[in-house]
Amino acid sequence: MTKKGVRTINEGECCDAVLSYLEQRLGLVRHDLTFPEQEGHDHPVEVTAALGDVRYAIEHTLIEPFDDQVHLEESAGLFLSTIEAKVSGHVLSGEHYLVEISITALEGRRRREH
């Protein structure tokens, strides 16, 4: 999930995996963990940790496969959740529907226009 709650990114799990790899490779154990982003630091990263005498800073970054992908997914999610709420209780058990919309179908439209 993005920070707005749309996509699960698993930032913590990714950072933990990197630290676990470094621990194994270096034969050291992490200590003195901080979470600058959560702490409102001026230059936030996801986590910092010391391994031996060296402090590491790890930043998890989402790379969009195409421009504005996260925003478009957010809009589509709101649109589709509205449809789902409207049909909830009206679809018979075992029925399935496939809804396809163009990735740009909602571009430039206000939510009330959906």
Protein backbone atom coordinates (compact mmCIF):
# COMPACT_ATOMS: atom_id res chain seq x y z
CA MET A 1 0.00 0.00 0.00
CA THR A 2 1.24 3.49 -0.60
CA LYS A 3 1.47 5.73 2.39
CA LYS A 4 -2.07 6.82 1.54
CA GLY A 5 -3.27 3.26 2.05
CA VAL A 6 -3.72 2.05 -1.50
CA ARG A 7 -0.94 -0.46 -2.03
CA THR A 8 0.92 -2.74 0.34
CA ILE A 9 4.62 -2.15 -0.04
CA ASN A 10 5.90 -4.06 2.97
CA GLU A 11 8.62 -1.48 3.61
CA GLY A 12 9.48 -2.92 7.01
CA GLU A 13 9.81 -6.45 5.67
CA CYS A 14 12.04 -5.30 2.81
CA CYS A 15 14.31 -3.33 5.13
CA ASP A 16 14.46 -6.27 7.55
CA ALA A 17 15.45 -8.58 4.68
CA VAL A 18 18.30 -6.25 3.67
CA LEU A 19 19.52 -6.01 7.27
CA SER A 20 19.29 -9.81 7.65
CA TYR A 21 21.36 -10.25 4.50
CA LEU A 22 23.99 -7.81 5.77
CA GLU A 23 24.07 -9.53 9.18
CA GLN A 24 24.64 -12.90 7.54
CA ARG A 25 27.22 -11.61 5.07
CA LEU A 26 29.18 -9.63 7.68
CA GLY A 27 28.71 -12.06 10.56
CA LEU A 28 27.42 -9.24 12.76
CA VAL A 29 24.20 -8.45 14.61
CA ARG A 30 22.29 -5.20 14.06
CA HIS A 31 21.90 -2.82 16.97
CA ASP A 32 20.86 0.76 17.69
CA LEU A 33 17.94 0.78 15.25
CA THR A 34 16.19 4.08 14.53
CA PHE A 35 13.23 4.88 12.30
CA PRO A 36 13.83 8.44 11.07
CA GLU A 37 10.73 8.62 8.86
CA GLN A 38 8.42 7.67 11.74
CA GLU A 39 10.30 10.02 14.06
CA GLY A 40 9.83 13.03 11.74
CA HIS A 41 13.55 13.48 11.04
CA ASP A 42 14.59 16.28 8.65
CA HIS A 43 16.21 13.75 6.28
CA PRO A 44 14.07 10.64 6.76
CA VAL A 45 14.91 7.14 5.61
CA GLU A 46 13.02 3.99 6.62
CA VAL A 47 15.57 2.67 9.09
CA THR A 48 19.12 3.11 10.30
CA ALA A 49 21.02 0.39 12.10
CA ALA A 50 24.55 -0.27 13.25
CA LEU A 51 26.40 -3.43 12.28
CA GLY A 52 29.62 -3.46 14.19
CA ASP A 53 31.05 0.07 14.04
CA VAL A 54 29.31 1.01 10.79
CA ARG A 55 25.86 2.67 10.65
CA TYR A 56 23.67 1.84 7.66
CA ALA A 57 20.72 3.87 6.38
CA ILE A 58 18.08 2.05 4.34
CA GLU A 59 15.41 3.76 2.27
CA HIS A 60 12.63 1.82 0.59
CA THR A 61 11.52 3.45 -2.65
CA LEU A 62 8.66 2.44 -4.89
CA ILE A 63 9.48 2.65 -8.58
CA GLU A 64 6.46 3.20 -10.80
CA PRO A 65 6.51 1.17 -14.02
CA PHE A 66 4.89 4.11 -15.82
CA ASP A 67 4.19 7.77 -15.04
CA ASP A 68 1.50 8.42 -12.44
CA GLN A 69 0.82 4.70 -11.87
CA VAL A 70 0.26 5.02 -8.12
CA HIS A 71 -2.20 7.90 -8.56
CA LEU A 72 -4.07 6.06 -11.32
CA GLU A 73 -4.34 2.92 -9.16
CA GLU A 74 -5.62 5.01 -6.28
CA SER A 75 -8.34 6.55 -8.48
CA ALA A 76 -9.30 3.17 -9.93
CA GLY A 77 -9.46 1.66 -6.43
CA LEU A 78 -11.86 4.37 -5.27
CA PHE A 79 -13.95 3.95 -8.41
CA LEU A 80 -14.13 0.16 -8.15
CA SER A 81 -14.83 0.19 -4.41
CA THR A 82 -17.82 2.44 -5.13
CA ILE A 83 -19.15 -0.09 -7.65
CA GLU A 84 -18.50 -2.94 -5.22
CA ALA A 85 -20.42 -1.15 -2.46
CA LYS A 86 -23.38 -0.50 -4.81
CA VAL A 87 -23.70 -4.15 -5.91
CA SER A 88 -22.92 -5.69 -2.52
CA GLY A 89 -25.87 -7.82 -1.49
CA HIS A 90 -27.22 -8.00 -5.04
CA VAL A 91 -24.77 -10.53 -6.47
CA LEU A 92 -25.77 -14.15 -5.94
CA SER A 93 -23.38 -16.55 -4.25
CA GLY A 94 -21.10 -18.13 -6.82
CA GLU A 95 -21.56 -15.34 -9.38
CA HIS A 96 -18.45 -13.55 -10.56
CA TYR A 97 -18.09 -10.44 -12.68
CA LEU A 98 -15.09 -9.02 -14.46
CA VAL A 99 -14.92 -5.24 -14.75
CA GLU A 100 -12.32 -3.82 -17.10
CA ILE A 101 -11.56 -0.13 -17.36
CA SER A 102 -8.87 1.67 -19.29
CA ILE A 103 -5.96 2.80 -17.14
CA THR A 104 -6.72 6.36 -18.18
CA ALA A 105 -10.54 6.17 -18.04
CA LEU A 106 -10.72 8.28 -14.90
CA GLU A 107 -8.05 10.80 -15.86
CA GLY A 108 -9.19 14.38 -15.38
CA ARG A 109 -12.52 13.38 -13.78
CA ARG A 110 -13.73 14.38 -10.35
CA ARG A 111 -14.80 11.58 -8.04
CA ARG A 112 -18.46 12.61 -8.26
CA GLU A 113 -18.22 12.16 -12.05
CA HIS A 114 -17.26 8.51 -11.64
